Amino acid sequence: INELIQKRQLLEAFASIKYLEDETIAERNDEKYKDNPQELMRKSKDVDLLYNSITNAIQSIVVGTLECPTVEDTMLTSLVTLIALEEAAHPNTSNAAGPGSDLLGTPRKWREEWRKAVNESTRKRVQRVPMASKEEESSWLDSHLHFLQKYLGEDLLKIKLLVKKSYPEEYQVCDVYVEAFHKAIASHLQYLSQRPLEFNELYTLLDWVANIYRSELFLGHPDLKPEFKTENLSLLLTPADWDKLKNDYITSAKGKIKSYFGNILRLEVTEKWEKEVHPEVKENLYHSSLSFDIQTIIGEHVKISGAISKSLGTKMLELCLEELHEFIQRFGEDFVVWSTAQDSPIFAPYFAAYINSFHDLMSGLETAFEVNIEELQKILAALTRNFTNIFLNKLRAKTQPLLKKILTKDWILATERPDSLASAVSQFSEPLQHMREPMGQELLRDIHKYVVREYITEVIKSRRKINKEARQQVSEKMNQEARILNNTLIDQGSDSNWLLPAIHHIANIIGEKKKDKIKECVKELCQDYPDIK
């Protein structure tokens, strides 16, 4: 009988074992072994061992169905016949069994063993899918899941085309196999999810479960339809495991986003500030890639996360905005430190470029993600104030030495060029022409007001005695400088026309000889500028 089993002549082997079993039962019922129960035990054990050998053969055949490149139709047909014969031979468990012969006549449940063999077969198939180590291949998980799709997809197609036809409909072969594969893959993914995974690996696993597993790329492939159905399959990961995977992903993303933003800052410092590379001008505005880079990072991560689940996309957006708030403040601090430590010619251009970029960033985020940017607006407003203060301080540093020369002997004698102050102001504030409105024009107004106020302050606070001839000369020079200064700033974009007469008023007072005319000039000055004091 064992030889028949080894040769896979299972029907003949079963017939022989059944004959031996029936003979032993008959002899037991005739009390042949009344005085020799050990012999009954031995023969019962032989029957049991022979049936177990067939059970092992069934398992081997089922496992071999997927392992072998070809399918032995005759073997599978015989297997189905064998299971049917055994079920007919052992219809129930009500057979009376004597001492030591409990297993005689009992059902062997080979259909259940067949199912177990299918489960074991699929488990082995999943375990044998190639999986490189992280050290061997950085994208090991992506490659592994690709092979999982490829090889198991081929197995399912083989079941559909070659295996299914050997079984009767009642076996529901495709349903049993797909359920078995599903359980095996679920167990395997649970194992993978317990490993220490990096951000990209966590994304790969989440994306595979959410978007690939049941799609046309795998179980939903057109070639597998309609035999394989996925509608009734349970969750591939338990809700707890799925939530843990998503939480790990968000936790890991925090460091990743922080790193991306950190790289943006590092490149700004090393490739632009330190090398003093001027920003580009696009559509007459100074341009920085800051806004584009930030929106690209946020947009890409929100998009891929939202494709896994809407809630994950929302969490990713919240995380990105939190990291953005921190980054903007850190960026601002570094720019302030760099710009105050030196007098770089690229400060003003980058000041304009960053203000433009901040504007684009706010409008872009609000449009793309429909998020509340109130907190970001506050942070950027504070940053803009800091940058503006530095700009104005640098302007003061450049203009104060020139303002201090007003009414000095050299200034009166015209050894100083009349356009030196205007030229210095113009050169420093020129980048504001490439700043987005209204910020650029507001700053030009402030600059215009600052220069006129400081000019008048220097003249008024002077205690120098000047003779009549020199006063006329001073008046003419002040009028000349005022015209040059006002025209320059108006040309650059200032619309503060109300400032135009201010210096001229003071110049007229200085140049006037008659007291009543002086009083009239002072009256006009105070009418135009009530806060002149």
Protein backbone atom coordinates (compact mmCIF):
# COMPACT_ATOMS: atom_id res chain seq x y z
CA ILE A 1 0.00 0.00 0.00
CA ASN A 2 2.85 2.38 0.83
CA GLU A 3 4.36 1.70 -2.57
CA LEU A 4 1.05 2.61 -4.23
CA ILE A 5 0.98 5.85 -2.25
CA GLN A 6 4.57 6.68 -3.25
CA LYS A 7 3.66 6.11 -6.90
CA ARG A 8 0.67 8.44 -6.42
CA GLN A 9 -1.74 5.59 -7.21
CA LEU A 10 -3.96 6.94 -4.51
CA LEU A 11 -7.29 5.45 -5.60
CA GLU A 12 -5.84 1.93 -5.53
CA ALA A 13 -4.14 2.64 -2.21
CA PHE A 14 -7.36 3.97 -0.72
CA ALA A 15 -9.28 0.87 -1.86
CA SER A 16 -6.71 -1.35 -0.15
CA ILE A 17 -6.69 0.69 3.06
CA LYS A 18 -10.49 0.73 3.11
CA TYR A 19 -10.55 -3.06 2.68
CA LEU A 20 -8.07 -3.41 5.57
CA GLU A 21 -10.12 -1.00 7.68
CA ASP A 22 -13.41 -2.82 6.97
CA GLU A 23 -11.76 -6.16 7.73
CA THR A 24 -10.42 -4.90 11.05
CA ILE A 25 -13.80 -3.41 12.00
CA ALA A 26 -15.52 -6.71 11.18
CA GLU A 27 -12.99 -8.66 13.22
CA ARG A 28 -13.39 -6.23 16.11
CA ASN A 29 -17.15 -6.59 15.96
CA ASP A 30 -16.74 -10.38 16.00
CA GLU A 31 -14.64 -9.95 19.14
CA LYS A 32 -11.71 -11.66 17.45
CA TYR A 33 -9.32 -9.49 19.45
CA LYS A 34 -11.09 -9.89 22.77
CA ASP A 35 -8.10 -11.66 24.23
CA ASN A 36 -5.51 -9.73 22.20
CA PRO A 37 -6.42 -6.03 22.25
CA GLN A 38 -2.82 -5.14 21.37
CA GLU A 39 -3.23 -6.74 17.95
CA LEU A 40 -6.39 -4.67 17.34
CA MET A 41 -4.45 -1.59 18.40
CA ARG A 42 -1.63 -2.48 16.00
CA LYS A 43 -3.93 -3.01 13.01
CA SER A 44 -5.88 0.17 13.81
CA LYS A 45 -2.60 2.06 13.97
CA ASP A 46 -1.57 0.63 10.61
CA VAL A 47 -4.81 1.85 9.06
CA ASP A 48 -4.35 5.27 10.62
CA LEU A 49 -0.75 5.56 9.44
CA LEU A 50 -1.73 4.57 5.90
CA TYR A 51 -4.52 7.13 5.82
CA ASN A 52 -2.06 9.74 7.15
CA SER A 53 0.30 8.84 4.33
CA ILE A 54 -2.48 9.59 1.85
CA THR A 55 -3.16 12.86 3.70
CA ASN A 56 0.51 13.79 3.28
CA ALA A 57 0.31 12.83 -0.39
CA ILE A 58 -2.74 15.07 -0.85
CA GLN A 59 -0.84 17.97 0.75
CA SER A 60 2.17 17.30 -1.44
CA ILE A 61 0.08 17.25 -4.61
CA VAL A 62 -1.71 20.51 -3.73
CA VAL A 63 1.53 22.28 -2.86
CA GLY A 64 3.13 20.94 -6.04
CA THR A 65 0.28 22.33 -8.12
CA LEU A 66 1.77 25.82 -7.86
CA GLU A 67 5.39 24.75 -7.50
CA CYS A 68 5.58 22.77 -10.75
CA PRO A 69 5.62 24.57 -14.09
CA THR A 70 2.93 22.23 -15.47
CA VAL A 71 -0.33 20.97 -13.99
CA GLU A 72 -1.13 17.25 -13.93
CA ASP A 73 -4.83 17.24 -14.74
CA THR A 74 -5.17 13.49 -14.18
CA MET A 75 -3.60 13.72 -10.74
CA LEU A 76 -5.94 16.52 -9.65
CA THR A 77 -8.97 14.68 -11.05
CA SER A 78 -7.95 11.55 -9.12
CA LEU A 79 -7.53 13.70 -6.02
CA VAL A 80 -11.09 14.98 -6.29
CA THR A 81 -12.36 11.42 -6.84
CA LEU A 82 -10.36 10.21 -3.84
CA ILE A 83 -11.86 12.86 -1.56
CA ALA A 84 -15.36 12.00 -2.77
CA LEU A 85 -14.78 8.25 -2.16
CA GLU A 86 -13.46 8.90 1.34
CA GLU A 87 -16.43 11.13 2.19
CA ALA A 88 -18.79 8.44 0.93
CA ALA A 89 -16.91 5.73 2.85
CA HIS A 90 -16.95 7.67 6.12
CA PRO A 91 -20.24 9.62 6.05
CA ASN A 92 -20.36 10.39 9.79
CA THR A 93 -18.65 9.81 13.12
CA SER A 94 -21.33 7.65 14.74
CA ASN A 95 -19.49 4.35 14.15
CA ALA A 96 -19.09 2.41 17.36
CA ALA A 97 -15.41 1.97 18.07
CA GLY A 98 -14.00 -0.51 20.52
CA PRO A 99 -11.08 0.03 22.84
CA GLY A 100 -7.90 0.98 21.05
CA SER A 101 -9.62 1.44 17.73
CA ASP A 102 -11.16 4.93 18.06
CA LEU A 103 -10.02 6.02 14.61
CA LEU A 104 -11.45 3.11 12.65
CA GLY A 105 -14.29 4.21 10.37
CA THR A 106 -14.01 7.88 11.27
CA PRO A 107 -14.04 10.61 8.57
CA ARG A 108 -10.57 11.69 7.45
CA LYS A 109 -11.81 15.18 6.39
CA TRP A 110 -9.59 15.26 3.34
CA ARG A 111 -11.52 18.18 1.86
CA GLU A 112 -10.49 20.20 4.91
CA GLU A 113 -6.95 18.90 4.49
CA TRP A 114 -7.10 20.07 0.89
CA ARG A 115 -8.04 23.54 2.06
CA LYS A 116 -5.23 23.51 4.63
CA ALA A 117 -2.83 22.42 1.89
CA VAL A 118 -4.00 25.32 -0.28
CA ASN A 119 -3.33 27.71 2.62
CA GLU A 120 0.10 26.20 3.22
CA SER A 121 0.87 26.30 -0.49
CA THR A 122 0.03 30.00 -0.77
CA ARG A 123 1.94 30.79 2.41
CA LYS A 124 5.06 29.17 0.97
CA ARG A 125 4.60 30.98 -2.34
CA VAL A 126 4.46 34.33 -0.54
CA GLN A 127 7.48 33.51 1.60
CA ARG A 128 9.54 32.55 -1.45
CA VAL A 129 9.07 35.89 -3.21
CA PRO A 130 12.55 37.48 -3.51
CA MET A 131 13.32 40.13 -0.92
CA ALA A 132 16.70 41.84 -0.84
CA SER A 133 18.09 43.39 2.31
CA LYS A 134 18.17 47.16 2.76
CA GLU A 135 21.94 47.02 2.53
CA GLU A 136 21.79 45.23 -0.83
CA GLU A 137 19.17 47.47 -2.38
CA SER A 138 17.83 50.81 -1.15
CA SER A 139 14.45 50.22 -2.85
CA TRP A 140 14.18 46.69 -1.48
CA LEU A 141 10.54 46.98 -0.41
CA ASP A 142 9.38 48.43 -3.71
CA SER A 143 11.16 45.60 -5.58
CA HIS A 144 9.78 42.98 -3.21
CA LEU A 145 6.17 44.11 -3.64
CA HIS A 146 6.69 44.26 -7.41
CA PHE A 147 7.86 40.64 -7.39
CA LEU A 148 4.91 39.76 -5.13
CA GLN A 149 2.50 41.15 -7.72
CA LYS A 150 4.31 39.45 -10.59
CA TYR A 151 4.73 35.96 -9.19
CA LEU A 152 1.42 35.67 -7.34
CA GLY A 153 -0.38 37.18 -10.33
CA GLU A 154 1.10 34.40 -12.44
CA ASP A 155 -0.02 31.84 -9.84
CA LEU A 156 -3.60 33.14 -9.90
CA LEU A 157 -3.67 33.09 -13.69
CA LYS A 158 -2.41 29.50 -13.62
CA ILE A 159 -5.19 28.58 -11.20
CA LYS A 160 -7.79 30.18 -13.44
CA LEU A 161 -6.59 28.63 -16.71
CA LEU A 162 -5.14 25.26 -15.68
CA VAL A 163 -6.16 24.26 -12.16
CA LYS A 164 -9.81 25.26 -11.90
CA LYS A 165 -10.99 22.91 -14.66
CA SER A 166 -9.84 19.84 -12.70
CA TYR A 167 -12.19 20.58 -9.79
CA PRO A 168 -15.98 20.47 -9.64
CA GLU A 169 -17.85 23.74 -9.08
CA GLU A 170 -18.57 22.91 -5.43
CA TYR A 171 -14.87 23.32 -4.59
CA GLN A 172 -14.99 27.02 -5.53
CA VAL A 173 -11.31 26.72 -6.32
CA CYS A 174 -10.74 30.37 -7.30
CA ASP A 175 -12.46 31.67 -4.18
CA VAL A 176 -10.49 29.32 -1.94
CA TYR A 177 -7.16 30.18 -3.53
CA VAL A 178 -7.69 33.95 -3.57
CA GLU A 179 -8.79 33.86 0.07
CA ALA A 180 -5.72 31.79 0.94
CA PHE A 181 -3.40 34.17 -0.90
CA HIS A 182 -5.14 37.09 0.80
CA LYS A 183 -4.49 35.62 4.26
CA ALA A 184 -0.89 34.79 3.39
CA ILE A 185 -0.22 38.29 2.05
CA ALA A 186 -1.95 39.88 5.05
CA SER A 187 0.25 37.90 7.42
CA HIS A 188 3.33 38.81 5.40
CA LEU A 189 2.46 42.52 5.34
CA GLN A 190 1.88 42.51 9.08
CA TYR A 191 5.40 41.11 9.44
CA LEU A 192 6.78 43.80 7.12
CA SER A 193 4.94 46.57 8.98
CA GLN A 194 6.59 45.54 12.27
CA ARG A 195 10.06 46.14 10.82
CA PRO A 196 11.74 49.54 11.32
CA LEU A 197 10.71 51.29 8.10
CA GLU A 198 11.85 54.64 6.75
CA PHE A 199 9.56 57.28 5.27
CA ASN A 200 9.76 56.07 1.64
CA GLU A 201 9.23 52.46 2.73
CA LEU A 202 6.19 53.37 4.83
CA TYR A 203 4.74 55.23 1.85
CA THR A 204 5.44 52.28 -0.47
CA LEU A 205 3.62 49.89 1.87
CA LEU A 206 0.65 52.20 2.40
CA ASP A 207 0.32 52.93 -1.30
CA TRP A 208 0.55 49.24 -2.21
CA VAL A 209 -2.21 48.30 0.22
CA ALA A 210 -4.48 51.22 -0.67
CA ASN A 211 -3.98 51.61 -4.41
CA ILE A 212 -2.29 48.58 -5.93
CA TYR A 213 -3.42 45.41 -4.17
CA ARG A 214 -7.03 45.35 -5.42
CA SER A 215 -6.37 47.37 -8.57
CA GLU A 216 -5.84 46.20 -12.15
CA LEU A 217 -2.15 46.01 -11.33
CA PHE A 218 -2.78 42.94 -9.18
CA LEU A 219 -5.97 41.21 -7.98
CA GLY A 220 -8.20 43.34 -10.20
CA HIS A 221 -6.25 42.56 -13.37
CA PRO A 222 -8.58 42.01 -16.34
CA ASP A 223 -6.99 38.59 -17.05
CA LEU A 224 -8.11 37.35 -13.62
CA LYS A 225 -11.73 38.33 -14.05
CA PRO A 226 -14.43 37.25 -13.47
CA GLU A 227 -13.20 34.18 -11.61
CA PHE A 228 -11.33 36.06 -8.89
CA LYS A 229 -13.45 38.45 -6.87
CA THR A 230 -12.09 40.89 -4.28
CA GLU A 231 -15.35 42.35 -2.98
CA ASN A 232 -15.71 39.88 -0.12
CA LEU A 233 -12.09 39.86 0.99
CA SER A 234 -11.43 41.12 4.49
CA LEU A 235 -9.14 44.08 5.24
CA LEU A 236 -5.56 43.35 4.29
CA LEU A 237 -4.39 44.94 7.53
CA THR A 238 -6.38 45.24 10.73
CA PRO A 239 -7.66 48.75 11.54
CA ALA A 240 -5.11 48.93 14.37
CA ASP A 241 -2.20 47.93 12.12
CA TRP A 242 -3.40 50.30 9.37
CA ASP A 243 -3.65 53.22 11.81
CA LYS A 244 -0.23 52.44 13.25
CA LEU A 245 1.26 52.39 9.75
CA LYS A 246 -0.29 55.79 8.94
CA ASN A 247 0.86 57.27 12.25
CA ASP A 248 4.39 55.98 11.68
CA TYR A 249 4.27 57.51 8.20
CA ILE A 250 3.27 60.95 9.52
CA THR A 251 5.87 60.76 12.29
CA SER A 252 8.55 59.85 9.77
CA ALA A 253 7.33 62.56 7.37
CA LYS A 254 8.00 65.23 10.00
CA GLY A 255 11.73 64.64 9.80
CA LYS A 256 11.60 64.32 6.02
CA ILE A 257 9.79 67.63 5.49
CA LYS A 258 12.08 69.36 7.98
CA SER A 259 15.05 68.01 6.03
CA TYR A 260 13.64 69.20 2.68
CA PHE A 261 13.06 72.70 4.03
CA GLY A 262 16.51 72.64 5.62
CA ASN A 263 18.04 71.85 2.23
CA ILE A 264 16.26 74.86 0.73
CA LEU A 265 17.81 77.12 3.37
CA ARG A 266 21.23 75.54 2.98
CA LEU A 267 21.20 76.11 -0.78
CA GLU A 268 20.09 79.73 -0.33
CA VAL A 269 23.03 80.32 2.01
CA THR A 270 25.76 78.46 0.14
CA GLU A 271 24.74 79.01 -3.47
CA LYS A 272 23.28 82.54 -3.31
CA TRP A 273 24.19 84.58 -0.25
CA GLU A 274 27.76 83.41 0.16
CA LYS A 275 28.48 83.51 -3.57
CA GLU A 276 26.60 86.82 -3.94
CA VAL A 277 24.63 85.58 -6.92
CA HIS A 278 21.98 88.13 -7.92
CA PRO A 279 18.40 86.89 -8.13
CA GLU A 280 16.71 86.60 -11.51
CA VAL A 281 14.23 89.18 -12.76
CA LYS A 282 11.04 87.70 -14.20
CA GLU A 283 8.22 89.91 -15.47
CA ASN A 284 10.09 92.89 -13.97
CA LEU A 285 10.02 91.33 -10.49
CA TYR A 286 12.95 89.90 -8.54
CA HIS A 287 12.41 86.16 -8.44
CA SER A 288 13.26 83.53 -5.83
CA SER A 289 12.48 79.83 -6.20
CA LEU A 290 11.57 79.75 -2.50
CA SER A 291 7.80 79.77 -3.00
CA PHE A 292 7.88 77.27 -5.86
CA ASP A 293 10.16 74.88 -3.99
CA ILE A 294 8.04 75.01 -0.83
CA GLN A 295 4.75 74.58 -2.69
CA THR A 296 6.21 71.71 -4.71
CA ILE A 297 7.30 69.87 -1.56
CA ILE A 298 3.95 70.41 0.17
CA GLY A 299 1.89 69.70 -2.95
CA GLU A 300 3.68 66.46 -3.77
CA HIS A 301 3.45 65.06 -0.24
CA VAL A 302 -0.19 66.06 0.23
CA LYS A 303 -1.05 64.55 -3.15
CA ILE A 304 0.55 61.15 -2.56
CA SER A 305 -0.80 61.01 1.00
CA GLY A 306 -4.31 61.98 -0.12
CA ALA A 307 -4.20 59.19 -2.70
CA ILE A 308 -3.85 56.73 0.19
CA SER A 309 -6.68 58.26 2.20
CA LYS A 310 -8.28 61.68 2.47
CA SER A 311 -7.59 61.85 6.20
CA LEU A 312 -3.91 61.07 5.61
CA GLY A 313 -3.72 63.89 3.06
CA THR A 314 -5.23 66.27 5.62
CA LYS A 315 -2.75 65.17 8.30
CA MET A 316 0.14 65.63 5.88
CA LEU A 317 -1.03 69.15 5.00
CA GLU A 318 -1.27 70.06 8.68
CA LEU A 319 2.22 68.69 9.27
CA CYS A 320 3.67 70.56 6.29
CA LEU A 321 2.16 73.84 7.46
CA GLU A 322 3.55 73.34 10.98
CA GLU A 323 7.01 72.67 9.55
CA LEU A 324 6.63 75.62 7.18
CA HIS A 325 5.90 77.99 10.06
CA GLU A 326 9.07 76.83 11.81
CA PHE A 327 11.10 77.01 8.61
CA ILE A 328 9.98 80.55 7.73
CA GLN A 329 11.03 81.78 11.17
CA ARG A 330 14.36 79.95 10.95
CA PHE A 331 14.91 81.27 7.44
CA GLY A 332 14.16 84.81 8.57
CA GLU A 333 16.55 84.57 11.51
CA ASP A 334 19.38 83.34 9.28
CA PHE A 335 18.77 86.05 6.68
CA VAL A 336 18.76 88.72 9.38
CA VAL A 337 22.03 87.41 10.84
CA TRP A 338 23.68 87.25 7.41
CA SER A 339 22.45 90.66 6.26
CA THR A 340 23.40 92.51 9.46
CA ALA A 341 26.87 90.93 9.57
CA GLN A 342 27.95 92.47 6.28
CA ASP A 343 27.13 95.11 3.69
CA SER A 344 26.40 92.88 0.72
CA PRO A 345 25.28 94.33 -2.62
CA ILE A 346 22.75 91.50 -2.99
CA PHE A 347 20.87 92.23 0.23
CA ALA A 348 18.32 94.61 -1.28
CA PRO A 349 17.68 92.45 -4.38
CA TYR A 350 17.08 89.38 -2.20
CA PHE A 351 14.99 91.43 0.22
CA ALA A 352 12.73 92.26 -2.74
CA ALA A 353 12.86 88.70 -4.10
CA TYR A 354 11.85 87.14 -0.77
CA ILE A 355 9.00 89.60 -0.20
CA ASN A 356 7.72 88.68 -3.69
CA SER A 357 8.13 84.99 -2.92
CA PHE A 358 6.28 85.27 0.40
CA HIS A 359 3.35 86.88 -1.41
CA ASP A 360 3.31 84.06 -3.99
CA LEU A 361 3.55 81.48 -1.22
CA MET A 362 0.51 82.74 0.68
CA SER A 363 -1.69 83.10 -2.38
CA GLY A 364 -0.49 79.77 -3.77
CA LEU A 365 -1.20 77.80 -0.59
CA GLU A 366 -4.59 79.44 -0.13
CA THR A 367 -5.59 78.65 -3.72
CA ALA A 368 -4.17 75.14 -3.97
CA PHE A 369 -5.25 73.77 -0.60
CA GLU A 370 -8.02 76.12 0.54
CA VAL A 371 -6.39 76.39 3.96
CA ASN A 372 -6.55 79.09 6.58
CA ILE A 373 -3.27 80.99 6.24
CA GLU A 374 -3.91 83.44 9.07
CA GLU A 375 -1.04 82.07 11.18
CA LEU A 376 1.30 82.09 8.18
CA GLN A 377 0.30 85.66 7.40
CA LYS A 378 1.25 86.73 10.93
CA ILE A 379 4.63 85.02 10.69
CA LEU A 380 5.37 86.49 7.27
CA ALA A 381 4.19 89.94 8.37
CA ALA A 382 6.63 89.86 11.30
CA LEU A 383 9.38 88.64 8.99
CA THR A 384 8.64 91.39 6.49
CA ARG A 385 8.87 94.00 9.27
CA ASN A 386 12.26 92.63 10.33
CA PHE A 387 13.57 92.65 6.76
CA THR A 388 12.19 96.16 6.22
CA ASN A 389 13.86 97.46 9.38
CA ILE A 390 17.18 96.06 8.24
CA PHE A 391 16.68 97.66 4.84
CA LEU A 392 15.92 101.05 6.39
CA ASN A 393 18.85 100.75 8.81
CA LYS A 394 21.17 100.05 5.89
CA LEU A 395 19.69 103.02 4.06
CA ARG A 396 20.38 105.22 7.11
CA ALA A 397 23.94 103.96 7.23
CA LYS A 398 24.45 104.96 3.60
CA THR A 399 22.70 108.33 3.77
CA GLN A 400 23.73 109.67 7.18
CA PRO A 401 27.32 110.51 6.16
CA LEU A 402 25.96 112.49 3.20
CA LEU A 403 23.26 114.19 5.27
CA LYS A 404 25.84 115.21 7.85
CA LYS A 405 27.69 117.20 5.16
CA ILE A 406 24.73 119.53 4.56
CA LEU A 407 25.62 123.14 5.40
CA THR A 408 29.27 122.24 5.90
CA LYS A 409 31.90 124.46 4.21
CA ASP A 410 32.60 121.87 1.49
CA TRP A 411 28.91 121.44 0.84
CA ILE A 412 28.36 125.20 0.56
CA LEU A 413 31.37 125.59 -1.70
CA ALA A 414 29.84 122.93 -3.95
CA THR A 415 32.77 120.55 -3.74
CA GLU A 416 30.10 117.86 -3.09
CA ARG A 417 28.07 116.84 -6.13
CA PRO A 418 24.42 117.96 -5.87
CA ASP A 419 23.20 114.50 -6.83
CA SER A 420 25.38 112.52 -4.40
CA LEU A 421 22.55 111.98 -1.85
CA ALA A 422 19.98 111.25 -4.52
CA SER A 423 22.40 108.85 -6.23
CA ALA A 424 23.06 106.94 -3.01
CA VAL A 425 19.35 106.68 -2.22
CA SER A 426 18.51 105.71 -5.80
CA GLN A 427 21.18 103.04 -6.02
CA PHE A 428 20.13 101.41 -2.75
CA SER A 429 16.36 101.61 -3.33
CA GLU A 430 16.44 100.63 -7.02
CA PRO A 431 15.62 96.95 -6.25
CA LEU A 432 12.26 98.11 -4.83
CA GLN A 433 11.14 98.77 -8.41
CA HIS A 434 11.24 94.98 -8.80
CA MET A 435 9.18 94.33 -5.66
CA ARG A 436 5.54 93.34 -5.95
CA GLU A 437 2.98 96.06 -5.26
CA PRO A 438 1.82 97.47 -2.95
CA MET A 439 4.85 96.60 -0.79
CA GLY A 440 7.40 98.16 -3.13
CA GLN A 441 5.57 101.47 -3.43
CA GLU A 442 4.89 101.62 0.32
CA LEU A 443 8.60 101.28 0.98
CA LEU A 444 9.44 103.95 -1.59
CA ARG A 445 7.03 106.29 0.20
CA ASP A 446 8.78 105.54 3.49
CA ILE A 447 12.18 106.15 1.91
CA HIS A 448 11.01 109.41 0.34
CA LYS A 449 9.60 110.61 3.64
CA TYR A 450 12.70 109.50 5.58
CA VAL A 451 15.16 111.29 3.26
CA VAL A 452 13.17 114.55 3.15
CA ARG A 453 12.63 114.54 6.92
CA GLU A 454 16.31 113.82 7.65
CA TYR A 455 17.40 116.47 5.15
CA ILE A 456 15.23 119.12 6.81
CA THR A 457 16.32 117.96 10.27
CA GLU A 458 19.97 118.49 9.38
CA VAL A 459 19.24 122.00 8.08
CA ILE A 460 17.01 123.09 10.98
CA LYS A 461 19.21 121.80 13.78
CA SER A 462 22.28 123.54 12.40
CA ARG A 463 23.54 126.48 14.51
CA ARG A 464 25.95 127.70 11.85
CA LYS A 465 26.04 131.43 11.07
CA ILE A 466 25.80 132.13 7.35
CA ASN A 467 26.12 135.55 5.70
CA LYS A 468 23.59 136.88 3.23
CA GLU A 469 25.53 135.89 0.12
CA ALA A 470 26.13 132.38 1.41
CA ARG A 471 22.45 132.00 2.40
CA GLN A 472 21.40 132.65 -1.15
CA GLN A 473 23.94 130.09 -2.33
CA VAL A 474 22.68 127.57 0.25
CA SER A 475 19.08 128.20 -0.82
CA GLU A 476 19.87 127.58 -4.46
CA LYS A 477 21.80 124.43 -3.69
CA MET A 478 19.02 123.07 -1.47
CA ASN A 479 16.46 123.73 -4.20
CA GLN A 480 18.72 122.02 -6.70
CA GLU A 481 19.26 118.98 -4.48
CA ALA A 482 15.54 118.84 -3.63
CA ARG A 483 14.61 118.77 -7.32
CA ILE A 484 17.13 116.02 -8.05
CA LEU A 485 16.10 114.01 -4.97
CA ASN A 486 12.34 114.30 -5.57
CA ASN A 487 12.60 113.59 -9.29
CA THR A 488 14.74 110.53 -8.64
CA LEU A 489 12.33 109.03 -6.12
CA ILE A 490 9.25 109.88 -8.19
CA ASP A 491 10.92 108.20 -11.18
CA GLN A 492 11.54 105.12 -9.08
CA GLY A 493 7.88 104.87 -8.14
CA SER A 494 7.19 107.05 -5.12
CA ASP A 495 3.82 108.77 -5.33
CA SER A 496 4.42 111.01 -2.28
CA ASN A 497 3.84 114.29 -4.11
CA TRP A 498 2.93 115.93 -0.81
CA LEU A 499 6.63 115.84 0.12
CA LEU A 500 7.83 117.77 -2.93
CA PRO A 501 7.57 121.34 -1.49
CA ALA A 502 9.07 120.54 1.92
CA ILE A 503 12.78 121.20 1.27
CA HIS A 504 11.91 124.07 -1.06
CA HIS A 505 10.03 125.79 1.79
CA ILE A 506 13.12 125.62 4.03
CA ALA A 507 15.37 126.71 1.16
CA ASN A 508 13.15 129.74 0.53
CA ILE A 509 13.25 130.73 4.20
CA ILE A 510 17.05 130.52 4.23
CA GLY A 511 17.37 132.48 1.01
CA GLU A 512 14.88 135.24 1.92
CA LYS A 513 16.33 138.55 3.23
CA LYS A 514 13.20 140.37 4.45
CA LYS A 515 11.61 139.39 7.74
CA ASP A 516 8.02 139.72 6.54
CA LYS A 517 8.82 137.51 3.57
CA ILE A 518 10.45 135.03 5.90
CA LYS A 519 7.33 135.00 8.08
CA GLU A 520 5.22 134.39 4.99
CA CYS A 521 7.46 131.47 3.97
CA VAL A 522 7.24 130.01 7.47
CA LYS A 523 3.45 130.34 7.38
CA GLU A 524 3.33 128.45 4.07
CA LEU A 525 5.60 125.76 5.51
CA CYS A 526 3.40 125.30 8.57
CA GLN A 527 0.25 125.21 6.46
CA ASP A 528 1.66 122.41 4.30
CA TYR A 529 3.30 120.58 7.21
CA PRO A 530 1.59 121.28 10.55
CA ASP A 531 3.82 118.72 12.27
CA ILE A 532 7.07 120.38 11.11
CA LYS A 533 8.20 120.81 14.73
